[in-house]
Amino acid sequence: MTDGGCGTFQRRVTSIEAVEAGLGATGYIASRPIATAIYLAHRLEKPVLVEGPAGVGKTELAKAVASWLGLPLVRMQCYEGLDESKALYEWKYGKQLLYTQILKDKLAPVLGEATSLEQAIERLHGVGDVFFSRHFLEPRPLLRALEEPAGSVLLIDEVDKSDQEFEAFLLELLSDYQVTIPEIGTVRAAVPPLVLLTSNSMRDLGDALKRRCLHLHIGFPDPKLEARIVESRVPEAAASLRRQIVGFVQGLRKLDLKKLPSVSETIDWARVLVLLHARELNADLVRETLNVLLKFESDIKAADSQIAPLVFQLRQETAGAAA
């Protein structure tokens, strides 16, 4: 990215290892592919499309990047029916009306000797443009991100929930870091934001959008990485309990469930078990707290028969590791 007003950003994003260490300092344990994607996004000035199941850390990644770099996080939550008036800008109609009322006694000199409606409109034409200037413009997330003088992290969250029309609207911003406002003109970013788009794959995104982005898929982590994540987020959990928690969640993910437990739910479960002063897993404790991990009653019933054997196996492994 350009160096004006962004020197700290330049100095920090010097290598993939620097990204890993920087994100780790914020509590976000990044895999090598994640750190590589952020590094390349910076060097190539390209957005990153982050896909994967819900709860694996896509949104948290944007928060961690912003925290590490000391940049404002501008978040736009996507939904069906989202349009540019909510994403880019809208006019302050109340302020326009207020100013019109205040200045109405000034209209007589402007109208002068106009004797018809057409003449009056012609004379008011130039004055009317004043009410559609930057002074009356309310910036929304996309415009705010472009106008941050030292850069920003722009999170376009759950872009797959938006309509295809909105997806097409994003193309100019993602290509050139600029947007066009008909009444004002083109607004370009002095320092291009670091853009992350997240998707839970609710619908297929268009090829034009994907061409403009680097692709990053964040799936469920392996046991070693998930244990590091839990240690970072719930350091008060004992190492033996942490291993059992991760092992149990990894076992649940092998079952045919409607919704597999995500990393965020692993972290929540670890916090619950610490709150309950658990030192190790037992079948009763797991059943009492299984609703933290599984969100559908059918999944809880399907997992019930696997709880006792899985807990027994994990406790045996923990005892063997201690010995």
C-alpha atoms as a PDB file:
ATOM      1  CA  MET A   1       0.000   0.000   0.000  1.00  0.00           C
ATOM      2  CA  THR A   2       1.094   3.573  -0.467  1.00  0.00           C
ATOM      3  CA  ASP A   3       3.407   4.962   2.187  1.00  0.00           C
ATOM      4  CA  GLY A   4       1.706   8.312   2.821  1.00  0.00           C
ATOM      5  CA  GLY A   5       0.271   8.221   6.315  1.00  0.00           C
ATOM      6  CA  CYS A   6       0.803   4.471   6.446  1.00  0.00           C
ATOM      7  CA  GLY A   7       4.420   4.076   7.572  1.00  0.00           C
ATOM      8  CA  THR A   8       3.593   1.978  10.640  1.00  0.00           C
ATOM      9  CA  PHE A   9       1.518  -0.328   8.473  1.00  0.00           C
ATOM     10  CA  GLN A  10       4.476  -0.715   6.097  1.00  0.00           C
ATOM     11  CA  ARG A  11       6.926  -1.503   8.860  1.00  0.00           C
ATOM     12  CA  ARG A  12       4.733  -4.149  10.472  1.00  0.00           C
ATOM     13  CA  VAL A  13       3.681  -6.136   7.408  1.00  0.00           C
ATOM     14  CA  THR A  14       7.215  -7.095   6.403  1.00  0.00           C
ATOM     15  CA  SER A  15       6.891 -10.881   6.186  1.00  0.00           C
ATOM     16  CA  ILE A  16       4.505 -13.774   6.693  1.00  0.00           C
ATOM     17  CA  GLU A  17       6.227 -14.486  10.003  1.00  0.00           C
ATOM     18  CA  ALA A  18       5.592 -10.888  11.106  1.00  0.00           C
ATOM     19  CA  VAL A  19       1.891 -11.330  10.345  1.00  0.00           C
ATOM     20  CA  GLU A  20       1.760 -14.568  12.378  1.00  0.00           C
ATOM     21  CA  ALA A  21       3.488 -12.913  15.322  1.00  0.00           C
ATOM     22  CA  GLY A  22       1.413  -9.736  15.087  1.00  0.00           C
ATOM     23  CA  LEU A  23      -1.903 -11.558  15.012  1.00  0.00           C
ATOM     24  CA  GLY A  24      -0.717 -13.856  17.783  1.00  0.00           C
ATOM     25  CA  ALA A  25      -0.054 -10.820  19.955  1.00  0.00           C
ATOM     26  CA  THR A  26      -3.752  -9.929  19.694  1.00  0.00           C
ATOM     27  CA  GLY A  27      -4.806 -13.453  20.693  1.00  0.00           C
ATOM     28  CA  TYR A  28      -5.584 -14.650  17.176  1.00  0.00           C
ATOM     29  CA  ILE A  29      -3.670 -17.845  16.379  1.00  0.00           C
ATOM     30  CA  ALA A  30      -3.230 -17.765  12.616  1.00  0.00           C
ATOM     31  CA  SER A  31      -2.328 -20.736  10.480  1.00  0.00           C
ATOM     32  CA  ARG A  32       0.319 -20.293   7.790  1.00  0.00           C
ATOM     33  CA  PRO A  33      -2.280 -19.933   4.981  1.00  0.00           C
ATOM     34  CA  ILE A  34      -4.095 -17.191   6.923  1.00  0.00           C
ATOM     35  CA  ALA A  35      -0.899 -15.227   7.569  1.00  0.00           C
ATOM     36  CA  THR A  36       0.131 -15.655   3.930  1.00  0.00           C
ATOM     37  CA  ALA A  37      -3.211 -14.303   2.685  1.00  0.00           C
ATOM     38  CA  ILE A  38      -2.960 -11.182   4.851  1.00  0.00           C
ATOM     39  CA  TYR A  39       0.633 -10.579   3.773  1.00  0.00           C
ATOM     40  CA  LEU A  40      -0.264 -10.898   0.086  1.00  0.00           C
ATOM     41  CA  ALA A  41      -3.338  -8.698   0.508  1.00  0.00           C
ATOM     42  CA  HIS A  42      -1.049  -5.960   1.759  1.00  0.00           C
ATOM     43  CA  ARG A  43       1.667  -6.388  -0.869  1.00  0.00           C
ATOM     44  CA  LEU A  44      -0.687  -6.794  -3.838  1.00  0.00           C
ATOM     45  CA  GLU A  45      -3.373  -4.356  -2.635  1.00  0.00           C
ATOM     46  CA  LYS A  46      -6.051  -6.956  -3.227  1.00  0.00           C
ATOM     47  CA  PRO A  47      -9.118  -7.832  -1.149  1.00  0.00           C
ATOM     48  CA  VAL A  48      -9.345 -11.248   0.497  1.00  0.00           C
ATOM     49  CA  LEU A  49     -12.474 -13.375   0.172  1.00  0.00           C
ATOM     50  CA  VAL A  50     -12.557 -15.515   3.321  1.00  0.00           C
ATOM     51  CA  GLU A  51     -14.829 -18.538   3.085  1.00  0.00           C
ATOM     52  CA  GLY A  52     -15.614 -21.335   5.499  1.00  0.00           C
ATOM     53  CA  PRO A  53     -18.230 -22.545   7.982  1.00  0.00           C
ATOM     54  CA  ALA A  54     -19.628 -20.169  10.580  1.00  0.00           C
ATOM     55  CA  GLY A  55     -17.630 -19.754  13.756  1.00  0.00           C
ATOM     56  CA  VAL A  56     -14.132 -20.589  12.491  1.00  0.00           C
ATOM     57  CA  GLY A  57     -12.723 -17.075  12.959  1.00  0.00           C
ATOM     58  CA  LYS A  58     -13.411 -15.206   9.712  1.00  0.00           C
ATOM     59  CA  THR A  59     -14.820 -12.081  11.342  1.00  0.00           C
ATOM     60  CA  GLU A  60     -12.335 -12.323  14.205  1.00  0.00           C
ATOM     61  CA  LEU A  61      -9.526 -12.255  11.657  1.00  0.00           C
ATOM     62  CA  ALA A  62     -10.548  -8.780  10.482  1.00  0.00           C
ATOM     63  CA  LYS A  63     -10.807  -7.567  14.086  1.00  0.00           C
ATOM     64  CA  ALA A  64      -7.366  -8.978  14.884  1.00  0.00           C
ATOM     65  CA  VAL A  65      -5.756  -7.400  11.814  1.00  0.00           C
ATOM     66  CA  ALA A  66      -7.220  -3.993  12.697  1.00  0.00           C
ATOM     67  CA  SER A  67      -6.108  -4.308  16.317  1.00  0.00           C
ATOM     68  CA  TRP A  68      -2.578  -5.366  15.370  1.00  0.00           C
ATOM     69  CA  LEU A  69      -2.100  -2.611  12.795  1.00  0.00           C
ATOM     70  CA  GLY A  70      -3.759   0.055  14.912  1.00  0.00           C
ATOM     71  CA  LEU A  71      -6.219   0.867  12.115  1.00  0.00           C
ATOM     72  CA  PRO A  72      -9.936   1.574  12.451  1.00  0.00           C
ATOM     73  CA  LEU A  73     -12.156  -1.390  11.676  1.00  0.00           C
ATOM     74  CA  VAL A  74     -15.063  -0.443   9.417  1.00  0.00           C
ATOM     75  CA  ARG A  75     -17.633  -3.236   9.352  1.00  0.00           C
ATOM     76  CA  MET A  76     -20.509  -3.617   6.935  1.00  0.00           C
ATOM     77  CA  GLN A  77     -22.922  -6.426   7.746  1.00  0.00           C
ATOM     78  CA  CYS A  78     -24.564  -7.713   4.569  1.00  0.00           C
ATOM     79  CA  TYR A  79     -28.170  -8.844   4.284  1.00  0.00           C
ATOM     80  CA  GLU A  80     -30.776  -9.403   1.598  1.00  0.00           C
ATOM     81  CA  GLY A  81     -31.956  -6.110   0.147  1.00  0.00           C
ATOM     82  CA  LEU A  82     -28.820  -4.143   1.092  1.00  0.00           C
ATOM     83  CA  ASP A  83     -28.276  -1.268  -1.329  1.00  0.00           C
ATOM     84  CA  GLU A  84     -25.837   1.599  -1.825  1.00  0.00           C
ATOM     85  CA  SER A  85     -27.849   4.026   0.311  1.00  0.00           C
ATOM     86  CA  LYS A  86     -27.096   1.821   3.322  1.00  0.00           C
ATOM     87  CA  ALA A  87     -23.592   0.770   2.267  1.00  0.00           C
ATOM     88  CA  LEU A  88     -22.103   3.862   0.602  1.00  0.00           C
ATOM     89  CA  TYR A  89     -23.921   7.100   1.470  1.00  0.00           C
ATOM     90  CA  GLU A  90     -27.261   8.796   1.902  1.00  0.00           C
ATOM     91  CA  TRP A  91     -28.361  12.397   1.924  1.00  0.00           C
ATOM     92  CA  LYS A  92     -29.189  14.167   5.188  1.00  0.00           C
ATOM     93  CA  TYR A  93     -32.728  15.009   4.177  1.00  0.00           C
ATOM     94  CA  GLY A  94     -33.636  16.417   7.583  1.00  0.00           C
ATOM     95  CA  LYS A  95     -30.697  18.815   7.469  1.00  0.00           C
ATOM     96  CA  GLN A  96     -31.556  19.812   3.895  1.00  0.00           C
ATOM     97  CA  LEU A  97     -35.129  20.600   4.958  1.00  0.00           C
ATOM     98  CA  LEU A  98     -33.974  22.545   8.011  1.00  0.00           C
ATOM     99  CA  TYR A  99     -31.601  24.672   5.938  1.00  0.00           C
ATOM    100  CA  THR A 100     -34.315  25.275   3.376  1.00  0.00           C
ATOM    101  CA  GLN A 101     -36.645  26.578   6.089  1.00  0.00           C
ATOM    102  CA  ILE A 102     -33.949  28.800   7.596  1.00  0.00           C
ATOM    103  CA  LEU A 103     -32.955  30.257   4.242  1.00  0.00           C
ATOM    104  CA  LYS A 104     -36.410  30.644   2.721  1.00  0.00           C
ATOM    105  CA  ASP A 105     -36.421  34.423   3.357  1.00  0.00           C
ATOM    106  CA  LYS A 106     -33.273  34.589   1.204  1.00  0.00           C
ATOM    107  CA  LEU A 107     -35.045  33.164  -1.828  1.00  0.00           C
ATOM    108  CA  ALA A 108     -36.669  36.426  -2.907  1.00  0.00           C
ATOM    109  CA  PRO A 109     -33.384  38.004  -4.098  1.00  0.00           C
ATOM    110  CA  VAL A 110     -32.551  34.781  -5.913  1.00  0.00           C
ATOM    111  CA  LEU A 111     -35.888  34.625  -7.704  1.00  0.00           C
ATOM    112  CA  GLY A 112     -35.731  38.305  -8.624  1.00  0.00           C
ATOM    113  CA  GLU A 113     -38.248  39.197 -11.277  1.00  0.00           C
ATOM    114  CA  ALA A 114     -39.109  35.641 -12.307  1.00  0.00           C
ATOM    115  CA  THR A 115     -42.694  35.667 -13.547  1.00  0.00           C
ATOM    116  CA  SER A 116     -43.244  31.967 -14.212  1.00  0.00           C
ATOM    117  CA  LEU A 117     -42.582  28.634 -12.591  1.00  0.00           C
ATOM    118  CA  GLU A 118     -40.098  27.716 -15.323  1.00  0.00           C
ATOM    119  CA  GLN A 119     -38.065  30.883 -14.735  1.00  0.00           C
ATOM    120  CA  ALA A 120     -38.096  30.337 -10.981  1.00  0.00           C
ATOM    121  CA  ILE A 121     -36.857  26.747 -11.342  1.00  0.00           C
ATOM    122  CA  GLU A 122     -34.108  27.892 -13.706  1.00  0.00           C
ATOM    123  CA  ARG A 123     -32.874  30.488 -11.212  1.00  0.00           C
ATOM    124  CA  LEU A 124     -33.024  28.006  -8.339  1.00  0.00           C
ATOM    125  CA  HIS A 125     -31.114  25.340 -10.250  1.00  0.00           C
ATOM    126  CA  GLY A 126     -27.651  26.510  -9.213  1.00  0.00           C
ATOM    127  CA  VAL A 127     -28.696  27.061  -5.608  1.00  0.00           C
ATOM    128  CA  GLY A 128     -30.258  23.571  -5.431  1.00  0.00           C
ATOM    129  CA  ASP A 129     -26.914  21.951  -6.164  1.00  0.00           C
ATOM    130  CA  VAL A 130     -25.601  23.335  -2.871  1.00  0.00           C
ATOM    131  CA  PHE A 131     -27.980  21.047  -1.004  1.00  0.00           C
ATOM    132  CA  PHE A 132     -26.434  18.009  -2.713  1.00  0.00           C
ATOM    133  CA  SER A 133     -22.848  18.754  -1.713  1.00  0.00           C
ATOM    134  CA  ARG A 134     -20.550  16.975   0.740  1.00  0.00           C
ATOM    135  CA  HIS A 135     -21.926  19.148   3.521  1.00  0.00           C
ATOM    136  CA  PHE A 136     -25.208  17.241   3.355  1.00  0.00           C
ATOM    137  CA  LEU A 137     -23.754  13.791   2.706  1.00  0.00           C
ATOM    138  CA  GLU A 138     -23.915  11.050   5.344  1.00  0.00           C
ATOM    139  CA  PRO A 139     -21.108   8.505   4.697  1.00  0.00           C
ATOM    140  CA  ARG A 140     -21.880   4.841   5.238  1.00  0.00           C
ATOM    141  CA  PRO A 141     -19.296   2.066   5.826  1.00  0.00           C
ATOM    142  CA  LEU A 142     -17.822   1.821   2.319  1.00  0.00           C
ATOM    143  CA  LEU A 143     -17.300   5.565   1.980  1.00  0.00           C
ATOM    144  CA  ARG A 144     -15.972   5.871   5.535  1.00  0.00           C
ATOM    145  CA  ALA A 145     -13.383   3.190   4.827  1.00  0.00           C
ATOM    146  CA  LEU A 146     -12.178   4.945   1.678  1.00  0.00           C
ATOM    147  CA  GLU A 147     -11.885   8.289   3.442  1.00  0.00           C
ATOM    148  CA  GLU A 148      -9.801   7.155   6.425  1.00  0.00           C
ATOM    149  CA  PRO A 149      -6.641   9.256   5.949  1.00  0.00           C
ATOM    150  CA  ALA A 150      -4.240   6.610   7.304  1.00  0.00           C
ATOM    151  CA  GLY A 151      -6.081   3.592   5.933  1.00  0.00           C
ATOM    152  CA  SER A 152      -8.498   1.156   7.526  1.00  0.00           C
ATOM    153  CA  VAL A 153      -9.533  -2.470   7.658  1.00  0.00           C
ATOM    154  CA  LEU A 154     -12.827  -2.856   5.802  1.00  0.00           C
ATOM    155  CA  LEU A 155     -14.845  -5.932   6.760  1.00  0.00           C
ATOM    156  CA  ILE A 156     -17.662  -6.783   4.352  1.00  0.00           C
ATOM    157  CA  ASP A 157     -19.259  -9.472   6.469  1.00  0.00           C
ATOM    158  CA  GLU A 158     -21.348 -12.333   5.054  1.00  0.00           C
ATOM    159  CA  VAL A 159     -21.342 -10.984   1.520  1.00  0.00           C
ATOM    160  CA  ASP A 160     -23.139 -14.145   0.395  1.00  0.00           C
ATOM    161  CA  LYS A 161     -26.282 -12.877   2.152  1.00  0.00           C
ATOM    162  CA  SER A 162     -26.495  -9.849  -0.144  1.00  0.00           C
ATOM    163  CA  ASP A 163     -28.110  -9.768  -3.579  1.00  0.00           C
ATOM    164  CA  GLN A 164     -26.260 -10.195  -6.852  1.00  0.00           C
ATOM    165  CA  GLU A 165     -27.009  -6.526  -7.651  1.00  0.00           C
ATOM    166  CA  PHE A 166     -25.109  -5.422  -4.571  1.00  0.00           C
ATOM    167  CA  GLU A 167     -22.285  -7.797  -5.391  1.00  0.00           C
ATOM    168  CA  ALA A 168     -21.987  -6.094  -8.804  1.00  0.00           C
ATOM    169  CA  PHE A 169     -22.002  -2.699  -7.090  1.00  0.00           C
ATOM    170  CA  LEU A 170     -18.905  -3.727  -5.102  1.00  0.00           C
ATOM    171  CA  LEU A 171     -16.787  -4.362  -8.193  1.00  0.00           C
ATOM    172  CA  GLU A 172     -15.633  -0.744  -8.690  1.00  0.00           C
ATOM    173  CA  LEU A 173     -14.560  -0.462  -5.068  1.00  0.00           C
ATOM    174  CA  LEU A 174     -12.713  -3.783  -5.076  1.00  0.00           C
ATOM    175  CA  SER A 175     -10.941  -3.050  -8.374  1.00  0.00           C
ATOM    176  CA  ASP A 176      -9.788   0.550  -7.915  1.00  0.00           C
ATOM    177  CA  TYR A 177     -10.599   1.452  -4.304  1.00  0.00           C
ATOM    178  CA  GLN A 178     -12.945   4.141  -5.503  1.00  0.00           C
ATOM    179  CA  VAL A 179     -16.678   4.769  -5.721  1.00  0.00           C
ATOM    180  CA  THR A 180     -18.748   7.092  -7.863  1.00  0.00           C
ATOM    181  CA  ILE A 181     -21.384   9.391  -6.355  1.00  0.00           C
ATOM    182  CA  PRO A 182     -23.461  10.921  -9.178  1.00  0.00           C
ATOM    183  CA  GLU A 183     -23.949  14.330  -7.543  1.00  0.00           C
ATOM    184  CA  ILE A 184     -20.297  14.689  -6.472  1.00  0.00           C
ATOM    185  CA  GLY A 185     -18.112  12.510  -8.671  1.00  0.00           C
ATOM    186  CA  THR A 186     -15.521   9.851  -7.980  1.00  0.00           C
ATOM    187  CA  VAL A 187     -14.101   9.401  -4.493  1.00  0.00           C
ATOM    188  CA  ARG A 188     -10.728   7.609  -4.377  1.00  0.00           C
ATOM    189  CA  ALA A 189      -8.952   6.267  -1.316  1.00  0.00           C
ATOM    190  CA  ALA A 190      -5.775   8.131  -0.445  1.00  0.00           C
ATOM    191  CA  VAL A 191      -4.649   4.974   1.366  1.00  0.00           C
ATOM    192  CA  PRO A 192      -6.473   1.861   0.116  1.00  0.00           C
ATOM    193  CA  PRO A 193      -8.131  -0.087   2.918  1.00  0.00           C
ATOM    194  CA  LEU A 194      -7.242  -3.677   3.624  1.00  0.00           C
ATOM    195  CA  VAL A 195     -10.495  -5.393   2.610  1.00  0.00           C
ATOM    196  CA  LEU A 196     -11.766  -8.725   3.902  1.00  0.00           C
ATOM    197  CA  LEU A 197     -15.011 -10.187   2.615  1.00  0.00           C
ATOM    198  CA  THR A 198     -16.456 -13.150   4.491  1.00  0.00           C
ATOM    199  CA  SER A 199     -18.813 -15.808   3.170  1.00  0.00           C
ATOM    200  CA  ASN A 200     -20.535 -18.806   4.737  1.00  0.00           C
ATOM    201  CA  SER A 201     -21.284 -20.131   1.219  1.00  0.00           C
ATOM    202  CA  MET A 202     -25.039 -19.593   1.467  1.00  0.00           C
ATOM    203  CA  ARG A 203     -24.953 -18.910  -2.280  1.00  0.00           C
ATOM    204  CA  ASP A 204     -22.332 -19.029  -5.010  1.00  0.00           C
ATOM    205  CA  LEU A 205     -20.595 -15.718  -5.562  1.00  0.00           C
ATOM    206  CA  GLY A 206     -20.032 -14.367  -9.074  1.00  0.00           C
ATOM    207  CA  ASP A 207     -16.834 -14.922 -11.014  1.00  0.00           C
ATOM    208  CA  ALA A 208     -16.269 -11.156 -11.374  1.00  0.00           C
ATOM    209  CA  LEU A 209     -16.148 -10.730  -7.599  1.00  0.00           C
ATOM    210  CA  LYS A 210     -13.881 -13.735  -7.109  1.00  0.00           C
ATOM    211  CA  ARG A 211     -11.456 -12.533  -9.789  1.00  0.00           C
ATOM    212  CA  ARG A 212     -10.858  -9.356  -7.848  1.00  0.00           C
ATOM    213  CA  CYS A 213     -10.011 -11.169  -4.612  1.00  0.00           C
ATOM    214  CA  LEU A 214      -7.444 -13.461  -3.121  1.00  0.00           C
ATOM    215  CA  HIS A 215      -9.122 -16.605  -1.827  1.00  0.00           C
ATOM    216  CA  LEU A 216      -8.758 -17.942   1.695  1.00  0.00           C
ATOM    217  CA  HIS A 217     -10.655 -20.892   3.103  1.00  0.00           C
ATOM    218  CA  ILE A 218     -10.720 -21.278   6.869  1.00  0.00           C
ATOM    219  CA  GLY A 219     -11.935 -24.719   7.878  1.00  0.00           C
ATOM    220  CA  PHE A 220     -12.065 -26.478  11.210  1.00  0.00           C
ATOM    221  CA  PRO A 221      -8.549 -26.555  12.709  1.00  0.00           C
ATOM    222  CA  ASP A 222      -6.573 -29.680  13.458  1.00  0.00           C
ATOM    223  CA  PRO A 223      -6.255 -30.679  17.141  1.00  0.00           C
ATOM    224  CA  LYS A 224      -2.883 -29.007  17.632  1.00  0.00           C
ATOM    225  CA  LEU A 225      -4.006 -25.648  16.250  1.00  0.00           C
ATOM    226  CA  GLU A 226      -7.335 -25.769  18.086  1.00  0.00           C
ATOM    227  CA  ALA A 227      -5.521 -26.463  21.349  1.00  0.00           C
ATOM    228  CA  ARG A 228      -3.358 -23.381  20.769  1.00  0.00           C
ATOM    229  CA  ILE A 229      -6.466 -21.318  20.080  1.00  0.00           C
ATOM    230  CA  VAL A 230      -8.150 -22.489  23.276  1.00  0.00           C
ATOM    231  CA  GLU A 231      -4.979 -21.838  25.268  1.00  0.00           C
ATOM    232  CA  SER A 232      -4.835 -18.306  23.868  1.00  0.00           C
ATOM    233  CA  ARG A 233      -8.497 -17.506  24.566  1.00  0.00           C
ATOM    234  CA  VAL A 234      -9.009 -19.491  27.802  1.00  0.00           C
ATOM    235  CA  PRO A 235      -5.570 -19.585  29.445  1.00  0.00           C
ATOM    236  CA  GLU A 236      -7.071 -20.505  32.831  1.00  0.00           C
ATOM    237  CA  ALA A 237      -8.078 -23.954  31.492  1.00  0.00           C
ATOM    238  CA  ALA A 238      -5.602 -26.614  32.642  1.00  0.00           C
ATOM    239  CA  ALA A 239      -3.569 -28.313  29.925  1.00  0.00           C
ATOM    240  CA  SER A 240      -5.137 -31.735  30.586  1.00  0.00           C
ATOM    241  CA  LEU A 241      -8.669 -30.334  30.468  1.00  0.00           C
ATOM    242  CA  ARG A 242      -7.787 -28.407  27.330  1.00  0.00           C
ATOM    243  CA  ARG A 243      -6.645 -31.591  25.592  1.00  0.00           C
ATOM    244  CA  GLN A 244      -9.859 -33.358  26.565  1.00  0.00           C
ATOM    245  CA  ILE A 245     -12.017 -30.458  25.371  1.00  0.00           C
ATOM    246  CA  VAL A 246     -10.333 -30.355  21.987  1.00  0.00           C
ATOM    247  CA  GLY A 247     -10.369 -34.133  21.651  1.00  0.00           C
ATOM    248  CA  PHE A 248     -14.080 -34.306  22.442  1.00  0.00           C
ATOM    249  CA  VAL A 249     -14.977 -31.558  19.962  1.00  0.00           C
ATOM    250  CA  GLN A 250     -12.837 -33.171  17.288  1.00  0.00           C
ATOM    251  CA  GLY A 251     -14.713 -36.422  17.936  1.00  0.00           C
ATOM    252  CA  LEU A 252     -18.101 -34.695  17.599  1.00  0.00           C
ATOM    253  CA  ARG A 253     -17.073 -33.331  14.207  1.00  0.00           C
ATOM    254  CA  LYS A 254     -16.745 -36.890  12.914  1.00  0.00           C
ATOM    255  CA  LEU A 255     -20.449 -37.510  13.558  1.00  0.00           C
ATOM    256  CA  ASP A 256     -23.235 -36.892  11.074  1.00  0.00           C
ATOM    257  CA  LEU A 257     -24.641 -33.753  12.688  1.00  0.00           C
ATOM    258  CA  LYS A 258     -26.808 -30.986  11.315  1.00  0.00           C
ATOM    259  CA  LYS A 259     -24.355 -28.346  12.572  1.00  0.00           C
ATOM    260  CA  LEU A 260     -20.841 -29.295  13.604  1.00  0.00           C
ATOM    261  CA  PRO A 261     -19.422 -27.396  16.591  1.00  0.00           C
ATOM    262  CA  SER A 262     -17.245 -24.483  15.524  1.00  0.00           C
ATOM    263  CA  VAL A 263     -14.091 -23.066  17.083  1.00  0.00           C
ATOM    264  CA  SER A 264     -16.075 -20.277  18.746  1.00  0.00           C
ATOM    265  CA  GLU A 265     -18.243 -22.919  20.406  1.00  0.00           C
ATOM    266  CA  THR A 266     -15.156 -24.823  21.563  1.00  0.00           C
ATOM    267  CA  ILE A 267     -13.946 -21.625  23.228  1.00  0.00           C
ATOM    268  CA  ASP A 268     -17.359 -21.015  24.814  1.00  0.00           C
ATOM    269  CA  TRP A 269     -17.449 -24.584  26.141  1.00  0.00           C
ATOM    270  CA  ALA A 270     -13.963 -24.230  27.610  1.00  0.00           C
ATOM    271  CA  ARG A 271     -15.069 -21.063  29.424  1.00  0.00           C
ATOM    272  CA  VAL A 272     -18.176 -22.840  30.744  1.00  0.00           C
ATOM    273  CA  LEU A 273     -16.146 -25.772  32.069  1.00  0.00           C
ATOM    274  CA  VAL A 274     -13.677 -23.423  33.767  1.00  0.00           C
ATOM    275  CA  LEU A 275     -16.609 -21.536  35.287  1.00  0.00           C
ATOM    276  CA  LEU A 276     -17.919 -24.854  36.649  1.00  0.00           C
ATOM    277  CA  HIS A 277     -14.475 -25.636  38.129  1.00  0.00           C
ATOM    278  CA  ALA A 278     -14.107 -28.780  36.005  1.00  0.00           C
ATOM    279  CA  ARG A 279     -10.720 -30.511  36.172  1.00  0.00           C
ATOM    280  CA  GLU A 280     -11.561 -33.218  33.652  1.00  0.00           C
ATOM    281  CA  LEU A 281     -14.488 -34.356  31.558  1.00  0.00           C
ATOM    282  CA  ASN A 282     -17.073 -36.818  32.736  1.00  0.00           C
ATOM    283  CA  ALA A 283     -20.173 -38.038  30.935  1.00  0.00           C
ATOM    284  CA  ASP A 284     -22.671 -36.268  33.209  1.00  0.00           C
ATOM    285  CA  LEU A 285     -20.874 -32.928  32.946  1.00  0.00           C
ATOM    286  CA  VAL A 286     -20.715 -33.234  29.162  1.00  0.00           C
ATOM    287  CA  ARG A 287     -24.443 -33.987  28.916  1.00  0.00           C
ATOM    288  CA  GLU A 288     -25.275 -31.012  31.154  1.00  0.00           C
ATOM    289  CA  THR A 289     -23.277 -28.604  28.985  1.00  0.00           C
ATOM    290  CA  LEU A 290     -23.614 -30.167  25.540  1.00  0.00           C
ATOM    291  CA  ASN A 291     -26.058 -27.433  24.458  1.00  0.00           C
ATOM    292  CA  VAL A 292     -23.105 -25.031  24.438  1.00  0.00           C
ATOM    293  CA  LEU A 293     -21.541 -27.054  21.624  1.00  0.00           C
ATOM    294  CA  LEU A 294     -24.593 -28.326  19.746  1.00  0.00           C
ATOM    295  CA  LYS A 295     -27.463 -26.050  18.736  1.00  0.00           C
ATOM    296  CA  PHE A 296     -30.040 -28.569  17.524  1.00  0.00           C
ATOM    297  CA  GLU A 297     -31.883 -31.041  19.720  1.00  0.00           C
ATOM    298  CA  SER A 298     -31.541 -33.699  17.036  1.00  0.00           C
ATOM    299  CA  ASP A 299     -27.746 -33.287  17.172  1.00  0.00           C
ATOM    300  CA  ILE A 300     -27.724 -33.555  20.970  1.00  0.00           C
ATOM    301  CA  LYS A 301     -29.719 -36.787  20.781  1.00  0.00           C
ATOM    302  CA  ALA A 302     -27.482 -38.160  18.021  1.00  0.00           C
ATOM    303  CA  ALA A 303     -24.340 -37.447  20.073  1.00  0.00           C
ATOM    304  CA  ASP A 304     -25.672 -38.862  23.338  1.00  0.00           C
ATOM    305  CA  SER A 305     -24.653 -42.466  22.690  1.00  0.00           C
ATOM    306  CA  GLN A 306     -21.103 -41.386  21.843  1.00  0.00           C
ATOM    307  CA  ILE A 307     -20.491 -39.319  24.969  1.00  0.00           C
ATOM    308  CA  ALA A 308     -19.495 -42.063  27.414  1.00  0.00           C
ATOM    309  CA  PRO A 309     -17.080 -43.968  25.128  1.00  0.00           C
ATOM    310  CA  LEU A 310     -15.497 -40.759  23.867  1.00  0.00           C
ATOM    311  CA  VAL A 311     -15.006 -39.351  27.376  1.00  0.00           C
ATOM    312  CA  PHE A 312     -13.559 -42.689  28.565  1.00  0.00           C
ATOM    313  CA  GLN A 313     -11.099 -42.765  25.681  1.00  0.00           C
ATOM    314  CA  LEU A 314      -9.987 -39.174  26.309  1.00  0.00           C
ATOM    315  CA  ARG A 315      -9.450 -39.772  30.015  1.00  0.00           C
ATOM    316  CA  GLN A 316      -7.382 -42.849  29.228  1.00  0.00           C
ATOM    317  CA  GLU A 317      -5.261 -40.845  26.801  1.00  0.00           C
ATOM    318  CA  THR A 318      -4.799 -38.063  29.348  1.00  0.00           C
ATOM    319  CA  ALA A 319      -3.754 -40.559  32.026  1.00  0.00           C
ATOM    320  CA  GLY A 320      -1.314 -42.155  29.604  1.00  0.00           C
ATOM    321  CA  ALA A 321       0.182 -38.771  28.700  1.00  0.00           C
ATOM    322  CA  ALA A 322       0.599 -37.910  32.402  1.00  0.00           C
ATOM    323  CA  ALA A 323       2.340 -41.211  33.054  1.00  0.00           C
END
